[in-house]
């Protein structure tokens, strides 16, 4: 029985090129499943405040129980109505990333030199750190990722998360997948009780069958995601975005839990 839904947001639940952006049937499905004790977590590359912005913008009538943000952090809604750290995961995550960036100065400098050498990309800084890059298009991002793959072994633990033309640097121990497994542990669930849905490169870690048994992607997912879902014995929906997620829940029998 599925007891936890882990869904990406942009491109998985929200179709930015459709009207309406979210299939209304998703709202009723989420409401009904949650009324029957199924937890819902948004597992996203968005930072925390952008999650609430997205829920308001696309008029979600139901709120998630948990949000897993920046492809690594775990939050739950506190009694005061605000998002709060769930357990000690975030504290350790921040400490590990501070240590990683402190050890990555030379590598980060070489990354900046690489993008100055003719790659059409711009650096993203936060609190004085180079934390990511944005490229002109997918082809330029392919070049950047090839460079990162060739160089990142210089710093143990240095990884990155790609989403379209953006890339975020991170500790390789932290991902949508490992954050989901931490949430599973905190809730006392098993992998067999978890459903995960995503569409892009930064969703790969939660769709490989290790952190969730029931994995799927909508028809608009990139080929790498579709291949990962296929290998994990998951479901590739015919519908786009939220329509595909509802379709996958029906395929796996989750909707029968509502009957």
Protein backbone atom coordinates (compact mmCIF):
# COMPACT_ATOMS: atom_id res chain seq x y z
CA UNK A 1 0.00 0.00 0.00
CA UNK A 2 1.29 3.46 -0.90
CA UNK A 3 1.56 5.68 2.17
CA UNK A 4 3.84 8.48 0.96
CA UNK A 5 3.80 10.41 -2.32
CA UNK A 6 7.03 12.18 -3.32
CA UNK A 7 6.42 14.45 -6.29
CA UNK A 8 8.54 16.96 -8.10
CA UNK A 9 6.73 20.25 -8.72
CA UNK A 10 7.67 22.09 -11.93
CA UNK A 11 7.23 19.91 -15.01
CA UNK A 12 5.74 17.06 -12.98
CA UNK A 13 2.72 18.58 -11.26
CA UNK A 14 2.76 21.95 -13.02
CA UNK A 15 2.77 22.31 -16.80
CA UNK A 16 3.94 25.85 -17.47
CA UNK A 17 2.85 25.59 -21.10
CA UNK A 18 -0.75 24.42 -20.54
CA UNK A 19 -4.04 25.95 -19.50
CA UNK A 20 -4.86 25.09 -16.84
CA UNK A 21 -1.29 24.41 -15.64
CA UNK A 22 -2.52 21.68 -13.26
CA UNK A 23 -5.12 19.05 -14.11
CA UNK A 24 -7.97 19.65 -11.59
CA UNK A 25 -8.26 15.90 -11.07
CA UNK A 26 -4.91 16.00 -9.28
CA UNK A 27 -6.37 18.21 -6.57
CA UNK A 28 -9.22 15.82 -5.82
CA UNK A 29 -6.89 12.82 -5.86
CA UNK A 30 -4.45 14.45 -3.44
CA UNK A 31 -7.25 15.54 -1.13
CA UNK A 32 -8.83 12.09 -1.07
CA UNK A 33 -5.55 10.23 -0.57
CA UNK A 34 -4.48 12.53 2.25
CA UNK A 35 -7.87 12.13 3.95
CA UNK A 36 -7.08 8.41 4.05
CA UNK A 37 -3.72 8.90 5.75
CA UNK A 38 -1.44 9.05 2.71
CA UNK A 39 1.31 11.64 3.19
CA UNK A 40 2.33 13.98 0.38
CA UNK A 41 5.78 15.54 0.01
CA UNK A 42 6.82 18.02 -2.66
CA UNK A 43 10.38 17.02 -3.57
CA UNK A 44 11.78 19.94 -5.52
CA UNK A 45 14.76 21.97 -6.59
CA UNK A 46 12.93 25.11 -5.42
CA UNK A 47 14.12 26.85 -2.28
CA UNK A 48 11.71 26.83 0.65
CA UNK A 49 9.99 30.19 0.10
CA UNK A 50 9.50 29.45 -3.60
CA UNK A 51 7.49 26.33 -2.70
CA UNK A 52 4.81 28.38 -0.97
CA UNK A 53 4.95 30.88 -3.84
CA UNK A 54 4.25 28.06 -6.30
CA UNK A 55 1.39 26.63 -4.27
CA UNK A 56 -0.25 30.06 -4.22
CA UNK A 57 0.47 30.86 -7.87
CA UNK A 58 -1.09 27.65 -9.13
CA UNK A 59 -3.91 27.72 -6.56
CA UNK A 60 -3.35 24.36 -4.90
CA UNK A 61 -6.31 23.82 -2.56
CA UNK A 62 -4.36 21.18 -0.62
CA UNK A 63 -0.99 21.67 1.05
CA UNK A 64 1.78 19.05 1.28
CA UNK A 65 2.61 17.47 4.61
CA UNK A 66 6.32 17.82 3.88
CA UNK A 67 8.59 19.71 1.51
CA UNK A 68 12.02 18.48 0.43
CA UNK A 69 13.72 21.57 -0.96
CA UNK A 70 16.84 22.51 -2.92
CA UNK A 71 17.17 18.80 -3.76
CA UNK A 72 18.35 18.05 -0.22
CA UNK A 73 16.49 19.66 2.73
CA UNK A 74 13.63 18.12 4.75
CA UNK A 75 10.87 20.25 6.31
CA UNK A 76 7.51 19.67 7.97
CA UNK A 77 4.80 22.11 8.96
CA UNK A 78 5.15 23.08 12.62
CA UNK A 79 2.34 23.79 15.07
CA UNK A 80 2.81 27.50 14.36
CA UNK A 81 1.99 26.90 10.70
CA UNK A 82 5.56 27.54 9.54
CA UNK A 83 7.90 25.12 7.83
CA UNK A 84 10.45 23.69 10.27
CA UNK A 85 13.43 21.34 10.09
CA UNK A 86 12.29 17.74 10.40
CA UNK A 87 14.88 15.98 12.54
CA UNK A 88 18.62 16.75 12.40
CA UNK A 89 19.09 16.13 8.68
CA UNK A 90 19.19 19.79 7.64
CA UNK A 91 21.71 20.71 10.31
CA UNK A 92 24.09 18.00 9.13
CA UNK A 93 23.39 18.91 5.50
CA UNK A 94 24.40 22.54 6.04
CA UNK A 95 27.56 21.53 7.92
CA UNK A 96 28.59 19.08 5.20
CA UNK A 97 28.06 21.68 2.50
CA UNK A 98 30.07 24.29 4.41
CA UNK A 99 32.92 21.81 4.63
CA UNK A 100 32.58 20.87 0.96
CA UNK A 101 32.69 24.45 -0.31
CA UNK A 102 35.61 25.25 1.99
CA UNK A 103 37.56 22.45 0.29
CA UNK A 104 36.46 23.37 -3.25
CA UNK A 105 38.04 26.79 -3.74
CA UNK A 106 40.50 25.74 -6.45
CA UNK A 107 37.90 23.67 -8.30
CA UNK A 108 35.33 26.47 -8.19
CA UNK A 109 37.94 28.89 -9.50
CA UNK A 110 38.68 26.55 -12.40
CA UNK A 111 34.96 26.25 -13.14
CA UNK A 112 34.69 30.03 -13.41
CA UNK A 113 37.74 30.10 -15.70
CA UNK A 114 36.11 27.44 -17.86
CA UNK A 115 32.91 29.43 -18.38
CA UNK A 116 35.00 32.53 -19.13
CA UNK A 117 36.84 30.60 -21.86
CA UNK A 118 33.89 30.70 -24.24
CA UNK A 119 31.06 28.62 -22.78
CA UNK A 120 27.86 30.65 -22.84
CA UNK A 121 26.93 30.44 -19.18
CA UNK A 122 26.74 32.65 -16.12
CA UNK A 123 27.74 31.94 -12.52
CA UNK A 124 25.24 31.87 -9.67
CA UNK A 125 26.55 33.13 -6.35
CA UNK A 126 25.02 32.94 -2.88
CA UNK A 127 26.59 34.42 0.24
CA UNK A 128 29.83 34.90 -1.66
CA UNK A 129 29.96 31.34 -2.93
CA UNK A 130 29.79 30.05 -6.48
CA UNK A 131 26.88 27.67 -5.98
CA UNK A 132 25.78 26.97 -9.53
CA UNK A 133 25.58 27.96 -13.17
CA UNK A 134 22.99 28.84 -15.75
CA UNK A 135 23.68 28.13 -19.41
CA UNK A 136 22.31 29.66 -22.59
CA UNK A 137 20.76 26.37 -23.70
CA UNK A 138 20.92 22.60 -23.21
CA UNK A 139 23.89 22.24 -25.53
CA UNK A 140 25.97 24.67 -23.48
CA UNK A 141 24.85 22.92 -20.30
CA UNK A 142 25.99 19.59 -21.80
CA UNK A 143 29.48 21.10 -22.17
CA UNK A 144 29.44 22.32 -18.58
CA UNK A 145 28.34 18.96 -17.22
CA UNK A 146 31.03 17.17 -19.22
CA UNK A 147 33.61 19.49 -17.66
CA UNK A 148 32.20 18.96 -14.18
CA UNK A 149 32.25 15.18 -14.65
CA UNK A 150 35.90 15.32 -15.67
CA UNK A 151 37.00 17.55 -12.78
CA UNK A 152 34.80 16.99 -9.75
CA UNK A 153 36.71 13.92 -8.49
CA UNK A 154 39.41 16.37 -7.39
CA UNK A 155 37.23 17.17 -4.36
CA UNK A 156 35.76 14.10 -2.60
CA UNK A 157 32.00 14.43 -2.31
CA UNK A 158 31.64 17.21 -4.87
CA UNK A 159 28.53 16.69 -6.97
CA UNK A 160 25.94 18.63 -8.89
CA UNK A 161 22.25 18.60 -9.73
CA UNK A 162 21.14 19.55 -13.22
CA UNK A 163 17.70 20.83 -14.13
CA UNK A 164 17.44 21.95 -17.75
CA UNK A 165 19.85 24.88 -18.22
CA UNK A 166 20.62 25.25 -14.50
CA UNK A 167 23.06 23.33 -12.36
CA UNK A 168 23.50 23.47 -8.59
CA UNK A 169 26.68 22.30 -6.85
CA UNK A 170 26.13 19.99 -3.90
CA UNK A 171 27.54 17.29 -1.68
CA UNK A 172 26.93 13.98 -3.44
CA UNK A 173 25.50 12.47 -0.25
CA UNK A 174 22.50 14.78 -0.54
CA UNK A 175 19.89 14.47 -3.27
CA UNK A 176 16.17 14.14 -3.78
CA UNK A 177 16.65 10.42 -3.26
CA UNK A 178 18.57 10.54 0.01
CA UNK A 179 16.29 13.26 1.38
CA UNK A 180 13.32 11.03 0.56
CA UNK A 181 14.91 8.10 2.37
CA UNK A 182 15.49 10.31 5.42
CA UNK A 183 11.81 11.29 5.38
CA UNK A 184 10.89 7.61 5.05
CA UNK A 185 13.05 6.81 8.10
CA UNK A 186 11.51 9.60 10.17
CA UNK A 187 8.01 8.38 9.31
CA UNK A 188 8.84 4.73 9.99
CA UNK A 189 7.87 3.63 6.48
CA UNK A 190 9.39 1.12 4.09
CA UNK A 191 10.48 1.69 0.51
CA UNK A 192 7.55 -0.49 -0.59
CA UNK A 193 5.17 2.20 0.71
CA UNK A 194 6.60 5.09 -1.31
CA UNK A 195 5.54 6.50 -4.68
CA UNK A 196 7.82 8.97 -6.51
CA UNK A 197 7.23 11.03 -9.65
CA UNK A 198 9.59 13.33 -11.55
CA UNK A 199 10.48 14.58 -15.00
CA UNK A 200 14.04 15.95 -15.14
CA UNK A 201 17.69 15.17 -14.43
CA UNK A 202 17.55 16.27 -10.80
CA UNK A 203 14.79 13.71 -10.20
CA UNK A 204 16.90 10.71 -11.24
CA UNK A 205 18.04 9.92 -7.70
CA UNK A 206 14.50 9.31 -6.44
CA UNK A 207 13.35 7.32 -9.48
CA UNK A 208 15.91 4.50 -9.63
CA UNK A 209 13.96 2.11 -7.38
CA UNK A 210 16.29 2.49 -4.40
CA UNK A 211 14.38 5.12 -2.42
CA UNK A 212 10.84 4.39 -3.68
CA UNK A 213 9.35 1.18 -5.07
CA UNK A 214 6.58 2.83 -7.11
CA UNK A 215 8.24 5.22 -9.57
CA UNK A 216 6.84 7.04 -12.56
CA UNK A 217 7.27 9.94 -14.91
CA UNK A 218 4.89 11.91 -17.13
CA UNK A 219 5.21 11.76 -20.92
CA UNK A 220 7.13 15.06 -21.00
CA UNK A 221 10.01 13.64 -18.93
CA UNK A 222 13.49 13.79 -20.46
CA UNK A 223 14.78 10.56 -21.97
CA UNK A 224 17.24 9.91 -19.12
CA UNK A 225 14.35 9.94 -16.65
CA UNK A 226 12.22 7.68 -18.81
CA UNK A 227 15.08 5.20 -19.09
CA UNK A 228 15.69 5.24 -15.33
CA UNK A 229 12.00 4.67 -14.62
CA UNK A 230 11.89 1.88 -17.19
CA UNK A 231 14.89 0.11 -15.63
CA UNK A 232 13.32 0.40 -12.17
CA UNK A 233 10.15 -1.32 -13.40
CA UNK A 234 8.19 1.90 -13.09
CA UNK A 235 5.50 3.50 -15.20
CA UNK A 236 5.89 6.01 -18.03
CA UNK A 237 2.58 7.79 -18.35
CA UNK A 238 0.93 8.82 -21.58
CA UNK A 239 -0.29 12.08 -20.02
CA UNK A 240 1.76 15.20 -19.43
CA UNK A 241 2.65 16.51 -15.98
CA UNK A 242 -0.18 16.25 -13.42
CA UNK A 243 -2.39 14.21 -15.77
CA UNK A 244 0.43 11.70 -16.04
CA UNK A 245 0.86 11.55 -12.26
CA UNK A 246 -2.85 10.82 -11.75
CA UNK A 247 -2.61 8.19 -14.49
CA UNK A 248 0.37 6.55 -12.75
CA UNK A 249 -1.38 6.51 -9.38
CA UNK A 250 -4.24 4.67 -11.03
CA UNK A 251 -1.82 2.25 -12.69
CA UNK A 252 -0.23 1.36 -9.35
CA UNK A 253 -3.58 0.94 -7.64
CA UNK A 254 -3.28 3.91 -5.32
CA UNK A 255 -6.64 5.23 -6.42
CA UNK A 256 -8.27 1.98 -5.34
CA UNK A 257 -7.27 2.99 -1.81
CA UNK A 258 -9.89 5.71 -2.20
CA UNK A 259 -12.73 3.28 -2.87
